[in-house]
């Protein structure tokens, strides 16, 4: 299922963006990433379990491989 994955990248202000791909699309994960994620910065694909469930400090979240 596509919705088991997340795309992570930072926006122009340095905030972490978490994009959730939809299941009901004929596009593959790579096609979604190519079409909807920025091409001028790293975009990481992670399992949804890697995303914290406590959103208290979500504006301070970062990601590194």
PDB file of N, CA and C in Angstrom:
ATOM      1  N   UNK A   1       0.840  -1.192   0.000  1.00  0.00           N
ATOM      2  CA  UNK A   1       0.000   0.000   0.000  1.00  0.00           C
ATOM      3  C   UNK A   1       0.879   1.247   0.000  1.00  0.00           C
ATOM      4  N   UNK A   2       0.524   2.182  -0.836  1.00  0.00           N
ATOM      5  CA  UNK A   2       1.287   3.427  -0.933  1.00  0.00           C
ATOM      6  C   UNK A   2       1.223   4.233   0.359  1.00  0.00           C
ATOM      7  N   UNK A   3       0.077   4.185   1.045  1.00  0.00           N
ATOM      8  CA  UNK A   3      -0.066   5.006   2.247  1.00  0.00           C
ATOM      9  C   UNK A   3       0.736   4.470   3.431  1.00  0.00           C
ATOM     10  N   UNK A   4       1.437   3.370   3.247  1.00  0.00           N
ATOM     11  CA  UNK A   4       2.355   2.884   4.281  1.00  0.00           C
ATOM     12  C   UNK A   4       3.698   3.606   4.205  1.00  0.00           C
ATOM     13  N   UNK A   5       3.875   4.424   3.179  1.00  0.00           N
ATOM     14  CA  UNK A   5       5.119   5.167   2.968  1.00  0.00           C
ATOM     15  C   UNK A   5       4.871   6.656   3.160  1.00  0.00           C
ATOM     16  N   UNK A   6       5.952   7.388   3.402  1.00  0.00           N
ATOM     17  CA  UNK A   6       5.917   8.846   3.511  1.00  0.00           C
ATOM     18  C   UNK A   6       7.094   9.410   2.740  1.00  0.00           C
ATOM     19  N   UNK A   7       6.902  10.578   2.145  1.00  0.00           N
ATOM     20  CA  UNK A   7       7.991  11.316   1.527  1.00  0.00           C
ATOM     21  C   UNK A   7       8.345  12.467   2.456  1.00  0.00           C
ATOM     22  N   UNK A   8       9.620  12.614   2.763  1.00  0.00           N
ATOM     23  CA  UNK A   8      10.084  13.680   3.641  1.00  0.00           C
ATOM     24  C   UNK A   8      11.025  14.598   2.885  1.00  0.00           C
ATOM     25  N   UNK A   9      10.836  15.899   3.062  1.00  0.00           N
ATOM     26  CA  UNK A   9      11.751  16.894   2.505  1.00  0.00           C
ATOM     27  C   UNK A   9      11.568  18.190   3.277  1.00  0.00           C
ATOM     28  N   UNK A  10      12.495  19.105   3.129  1.00  0.00           N
ATOM     29  CA  UNK A  10      12.370  20.398   3.797  1.00  0.00           C
ATOM     30  C   UNK A  10      11.890  21.442   2.792  1.00  0.00           C
ATOM     31  N   UNK A  11      11.079  22.384   3.279  1.00  0.00           N
ATOM     32  CA  UNK A  11      10.608  23.455   2.411  1.00  0.00           C
ATOM     33  C   UNK A  11      11.615  24.602   2.403  1.00  0.00           C
ATOM     34  N   UNK A  12      11.275  25.695   1.763  1.00  0.00           N
ATOM     35  CA  UNK A  12      12.194  26.825   1.629  1.00  0.00           C
ATOM     36  C   UNK A  12      12.545  27.474   2.967  1.00  0.00           C
ATOM     37  N   UNK A  13      11.697  27.317   3.974  1.00  0.00           N
ATOM     38  CA  UNK A  13      11.969  27.866   5.306  1.00  0.00           C
ATOM     39  C   UNK A  13      12.667  26.866   6.223  1.00  0.00           C
ATOM     40  N   UNK A  14      12.976  25.678   5.719  1.00  0.00           N
ATOM     41  CA  UNK A  14      13.664  24.674   6.512  1.00  0.00           C
ATOM     42  C   UNK A  14      12.765  23.776   7.331  1.00  0.00           C
ATOM     43  N   UNK A  15      11.445  23.879   7.142  1.00  0.00           N
ATOM     44  CA  UNK A  15      10.506  23.013   7.864  1.00  0.00           C
ATOM     45  C   UNK A  15      10.443  21.652   7.199  1.00  0.00           C
ATOM     46  N   UNK A  16      10.287  20.625   8.009  1.00  0.00           N
ATOM     47  CA  UNK A  16      10.152  19.265   7.487  1.00  0.00           C
ATOM     48  C   UNK A  16       8.736  19.067   6.962  1.00  0.00           C
ATOM     49  N   UNK A  17       8.636  18.656   5.716  1.00  0.00           N
ATOM     50  CA  UNK A  17       7.347  18.366   5.087  1.00  0.00           C
ATOM     51  C   UNK A  17       7.198  16.850   5.012  1.00  0.00           C
ATOM     52  N   UNK A  18       6.038  16.362   5.424  1.00  0.00           N
ATOM     53  CA  UNK A  18       5.730  14.934   5.361  1.00  0.00           C
ATOM     54  C   UNK A  18       4.552  14.770   4.412  1.00  0.00           C
ATOM     55  N   UNK A  19       4.805  14.126   3.292  1.00  0.00           N
ATOM     56  CA  UNK A  19       3.770  13.907   2.286  1.00  0.00           C
ATOM     57  C   UNK A  19       3.315  12.453   2.338  1.00  0.00           C
ATOM     58  N   UNK A  20       1.997  12.252   2.353  1.00  0.00           N
ATOM     59  CA  UNK A  20       1.416  10.914   2.411  1.00  0.00           C
ATOM     60  C   UNK A  20       0.837  10.581   1.038  1.00  0.00           C
ATOM     61  N   UNK A  21       1.423   9.622   0.328  1.00  0.00           N
ATOM     62  CA  UNK A  21       0.883   9.242  -0.977  1.00  0.00           C
ATOM     63  C   UNK A  21      -0.469   8.539  -0.839  1.00  0.00           C
ATOM     64  N   UNK A  22      -1.350   8.812  -1.784  1.00  0.00           N
ATOM     65  CA  UNK A  22      -2.679   8.194  -1.774  1.00  0.00           C
ATOM     66  C   UNK A  22      -2.616   6.781  -2.338  1.00  0.00           C
ATOM     67  N   UNK A  23      -3.441   5.899  -1.803  1.00  0.00           N
ATOM     68  CA  UNK A  23      -3.537   4.532  -2.322  1.00  0.00           C
ATOM     69  C   UNK A  23      -4.324   4.492  -3.626  1.00  0.00           C
ATOM     70  N   UNK A  24      -5.361   5.307  -3.723  1.00  0.00           N
ATOM     71  CA  UNK A  24      -6.273   5.236  -4.873  1.00  0.00           C
ATOM     72  C   UNK A  24      -5.762   6.094  -6.025  1.00  0.00           C
ATOM     73  N   UNK A  25      -4.626   5.703  -6.566  1.00  0.00           N
ATOM     74  CA  UNK A  25      -4.051   6.353  -7.731  1.00  0.00           C
ATOM     75  C   UNK A  25      -3.338   5.294  -8.558  1.00  0.00           C
ATOM     76  N   UNK A  26      -3.357   5.442  -9.856  1.00  0.00           N
ATOM     77  CA  UNK A  26      -2.641   4.481 -10.685  1.00  0.00           C
ATOM     78  C   UNK A  26      -1.129   4.718 -10.684  1.00  0.00           C
ATOM     79  N   UNK A  27      -0.677   5.815 -10.097  1.00  0.00           N
ATOM     80  CA  UNK A  27       0.740   6.154 -10.087  1.00  0.00           C
ATOM     81  C   UNK A  27       1.523   5.280  -9.109  1.00  0.00           C
ATOM     82  N   UNK A  28       2.753   4.980  -9.463  1.00  0.00           N
ATOM     83  CA  UNK A  28       3.646   4.282  -8.539  1.00  0.00           C
ATOM     84  C   UNK A  28       4.222   5.293  -7.557  1.00  0.00           C
ATOM     85  N   UNK A  29       4.892   4.804  -6.530  1.00  0.00           N
ATOM     86  CA  UNK A  29       5.534   5.708  -5.574  1.00  0.00           C
ATOM     87  C   UNK A  29       6.552   6.607  -6.269  1.00  0.00           C
ATOM     88  N   UNK A  30       7.334   6.049  -7.170  1.00  0.00           N
ATOM     89  CA  UNK A  30       8.320   6.853  -7.887  1.00  0.00           C
ATOM     90  C   UNK A  30       7.655   7.927  -8.748  1.00  0.00           C
ATOM     91  N   UNK A  31       6.548   7.597  -9.374  1.00  0.00           N
ATOM     92  CA  UNK A  31       5.837   8.581 -10.197  1.00  0.00           C
ATOM     93  C   UNK A  31       5.251   9.693  -9.339  1.00  0.00           C
ATOM     94  N   UNK A  32       4.705   9.341  -8.186  1.00  0.00           N
ATOM     95  CA  UNK A  32       4.168  10.352  -7.265  1.00  0.00           C
ATOM     96  C   UNK A  32       5.297  11.275  -6.805  1.00  0.00           C
ATOM     97  N   UNK A  33       6.409  10.675  -6.412  1.00  0.00           N
ATOM     98  CA  UNK A  33       7.560  11.449  -5.951  1.00  0.00           C
ATOM     99  C   UNK A  33       8.053  12.403  -7.044  1.00  0.00           C
ATOM    100  N   UNK A  34       8.166  11.899  -8.267  1.00  0.00           N
ATOM    101  CA  UNK A  34       8.631  12.725  -9.385  1.00  0.00           C
ATOM    102  C   UNK A  34       7.668  13.862  -9.701  1.00  0.00           C
ATOM    103  N   UNK A  35       6.378  13.600  -9.552  1.00  0.00           N
ATOM    104  CA  UNK A  35       5.371  14.584  -9.933  1.00  0.00           C
ATOM    105  C   UNK A  35       5.092  15.618  -8.847  1.00  0.00           C
ATOM    106  N   UNK A  36       5.147  15.229  -7.569  1.00  0.00           N
ATOM    107  CA  UNK A  36       4.652  16.099  -6.511  1.00  0.00           C
ATOM    108  C   UNK A  36       5.695  16.567  -5.495  1.00  0.00           C
ATOM    109  N   UNK A  37       6.884  16.015  -5.548  1.00  0.00           N
ATOM    110  CA  UNK A  37       7.933  16.422  -4.614  1.00  0.00           C
ATOM    111  C   UNK A  37       8.950  17.298  -5.339  1.00  0.00           C
ATOM    112  N   UNK A  38       9.626  18.183  -4.603  1.00  0.00           N
ATOM    113  CA  UNK A  38      10.603  19.064  -5.240  1.00  0.00           C
ATOM    114  C   UNK A  38      11.780  18.288  -5.803  1.00  0.00           C
ATOM    115  N   UNK A  39      12.342  18.810  -6.860  1.00  0.00           N
ATOM    116  CA  UNK A  39      13.489  18.165  -7.499  1.00  0.00           C
ATOM    117  C   UNK A  39      14.803  18.837  -7.111  1.00  0.00           C
ATOM    118  N   UNK A  40      14.711  19.959  -6.406  1.00  0.00           N
ATOM    119  CA  UNK A  40      15.911  20.726  -6.060  1.00  0.00           C
ATOM    120  C   UNK A  40      16.426  20.463  -4.648  1.00  0.00           C
ATOM    121  N   UNK A  41      15.949  19.407  -4.017  1.00  0.00           N
ATOM    122  CA  UNK A  41      16.376  19.060  -2.653  1.00  0.00           C
ATOM    123  C   UNK A  41      16.179  17.571  -2.419  1.00  0.00           C
ATOM    124  N   UNK A  42      16.855  17.014  -1.425  1.00  0.00           N
ATOM    125  CA  UNK A  42      16.677  15.584  -1.144  1.00  0.00           C
ATOM    126  C   UNK A  42      15.247  15.272  -0.688  1.00  0.00           C
ATOM    127  N   UNK A  43      14.717  14.179  -1.190  1.00  0.00           N
ATOM    128  CA  UNK A  43      13.404  13.671  -0.778  1.00  0.00           C
ATOM    129  C   UNK A  43      13.623  12.232  -0.342  1.00  0.00           C
ATOM    130  N   UNK A  44      13.223  11.925   0.878  1.00  0.00           N
ATOM    131  CA  UNK A  44      13.426  10.591   1.449  1.00  0.00           C
ATOM    132  C   UNK A  44      12.105   9.851   1.506  1.00  0.00           C
ATOM    133  N   UNK A  45      12.136   8.563   1.211  1.00  0.00           N
ATOM    134  CA  UNK A  45      10.969   7.699   1.330  1.00  0.00           C
ATOM    135  C   UNK A  45      11.168   6.833   2.559  1.00  0.00           C
ATOM    136  N   UNK A  46      10.219   6.925   3.507  1.00  0.00           N
ATOM    137  CA  UNK A  46      10.333   6.179   4.761  1.00  0.00           C
ATOM    138  C   UNK A  46       9.019   5.451   5.038  1.00  0.00           C
ATOM    139  N   UNK A  47       9.091   4.449   5.904  1.00  0.00           N
ATOM    140  CA  UNK A  47       7.880   3.772   6.369  1.00  0.00           C
ATOM    141  C   UNK A  47       7.147   4.679   7.342  1.00  0.00           C
ATOM    142  N   UNK A  48       5.830   4.599   7.355  1.00  0.00           N
ATOM    143  CA  UNK A  48       5.042   5.487   8.216  1.00  0.00           C
ATOM    144  C   UNK A  48       5.363   5.282   9.703  1.00  0.00           C
ATOM    145  N   UNK A  49       5.864   4.096  10.070  1.00  0.00           N
ATOM    146  CA  UNK A  49       6.211   3.834  11.466  1.00  0.00           C
ATOM    147  C   UNK A  49       7.392   4.687  11.936  1.00  0.00           C
ATOM    148  N   UNK A  50       8.162   5.244  11.005  1.00  0.00           N
ATOM    149  CA  UNK A  50       9.301   6.082  11.371  1.00  0.00           C
ATOM    150  C   UNK A  50       8.884   7.504  11.741  1.00  0.00           C
ATOM    151  N   UNK A  51       7.630   7.856  11.504  1.00  0.00           N
ATOM    152  CA  UNK A  51       7.129   9.198  11.806  1.00  0.00           C
ATOM    153  C   UNK A  51       6.615   9.212  13.249  1.00  0.00           C
ATOM    154  N   UNK A  52       7.064  10.160  14.067  1.00  0.00           N
ATOM    155  CA  UNK A  52       6.568  10.217  15.456  1.00  0.00           C
ATOM    156  C   UNK A  52       5.051  10.408  15.489  1.00  0.00           C
ATOM    157  N   UNK A  53       4.418   9.789  16.457  1.00  0.00           N
ATOM    158  CA  UNK A  53       2.977   9.958  16.615  1.00  0.00           C
ATOM    159  C   UNK A  53       2.652  11.127  17.538  1.00  0.00           C
ATOM    160  N   UNK A  54       3.581  11.504  18.411  1.00  0.00           N
ATOM    161  CA  UNK A  54       3.400  12.667  19.277  1.00  0.00           C
ATOM    162  C   UNK A  54       3.755  13.918  18.470  1.00  0.00           C
ATOM    163  N   UNK A  55       2.745  14.727  18.181  1.00  0.00           N
ATOM    164  CA  UNK A  55       2.944  15.894  17.334  1.00  0.00           C
ATOM    165  C   UNK A  55       3.215  17.168  18.138  1.00  0.00           C
ATOM    166  N   UNK A  56       3.510  17.043  19.429  1.00  0.00           N
ATOM    167  CA  UNK A  56       3.717  18.205  20.296  1.00  0.00           C
ATOM    168  C   UNK A  56       4.786  19.155  19.773  1.00  0.00           C
ATOM    169  N   UNK A  57       5.874  18.619  19.290  1.00  0.00           N
ATOM    170  CA  UNK A  57       6.993  19.446  18.846  1.00  0.00           C
ATOM    171  C   UNK A  57       7.243  19.278  17.349  1.00  0.00           C
ATOM    172  N   UNK A  58       6.178  19.084  16.580  1.00  0.00           N
ATOM    173  CA  UNK A  58       6.350  18.770  15.159  1.00  0.00           C
ATOM    174  C   UNK A  58       7.064  19.865  14.382  1.00  0.00           C
ATOM    175  N   UNK A  59       6.988  21.117  14.805  1.00  0.00           N
ATOM    176  CA  UNK A  59       7.698  22.184  14.097  1.00  0.00           C
ATOM    177  C   UNK A  59       9.212  22.113  14.329  1.00  0.00           C
ATOM    178  N   UNK A  60       9.651  21.282  15.246  1.00  0.00           N
ATOM    179  CA  UNK A  60      11.083  21.118  15.520  1.00  0.00           C
ATOM    180  C   UNK A  60      11.621  19.812  14.929  1.00  0.00           C
ATOM    181  N   UNK A  61      10.780  19.038  14.268  1.00  0.00           N
ATOM    182  CA  UNK A  61      11.228  17.764  13.709  1.00  0.00           C
ATOM    183  C   UNK A  61      12.259  17.970  12.617  1.00  0.00           C
ATOM    184  N   UNK A  62      13.214  17.053  12.546  1.00  0.00           N
ATOM    185  CA  UNK A  62      14.194  17.017  11.466  1.00  0.00           C
ATOM    186  C   UNK A  62      14.330  15.573  11.023  1.00  0.00           C
ATOM    187  N   UNK A  63      15.047  15.367   9.925  1.00  0.00           N
ATOM    188  CA  UNK A  63      15.276  14.004   9.457  1.00  0.00           C
ATOM    189  C   UNK A  63      16.685  13.917   8.897  1.00  0.00           C
ATOM    190  N   UNK A  64      17.362  12.828   9.214  1.00  0.00           N
ATOM    191  CA  UNK A  64      18.651  12.542   8.598  1.00  0.00           C
ATOM    192  C   UNK A  64      18.727  11.031   8.395  1.00  0.00           C
ATOM    193  N   UNK A  65      19.399  10.619   7.325  1.00  0.00           N
ATOM    194  CA  UNK A  65      19.506   9.189   7.052  1.00  0.00           C
ATOM    195  C   UNK A  65      20.428   8.518   8.017  1.00  0.00           C
TER     196      UNK A  65
END
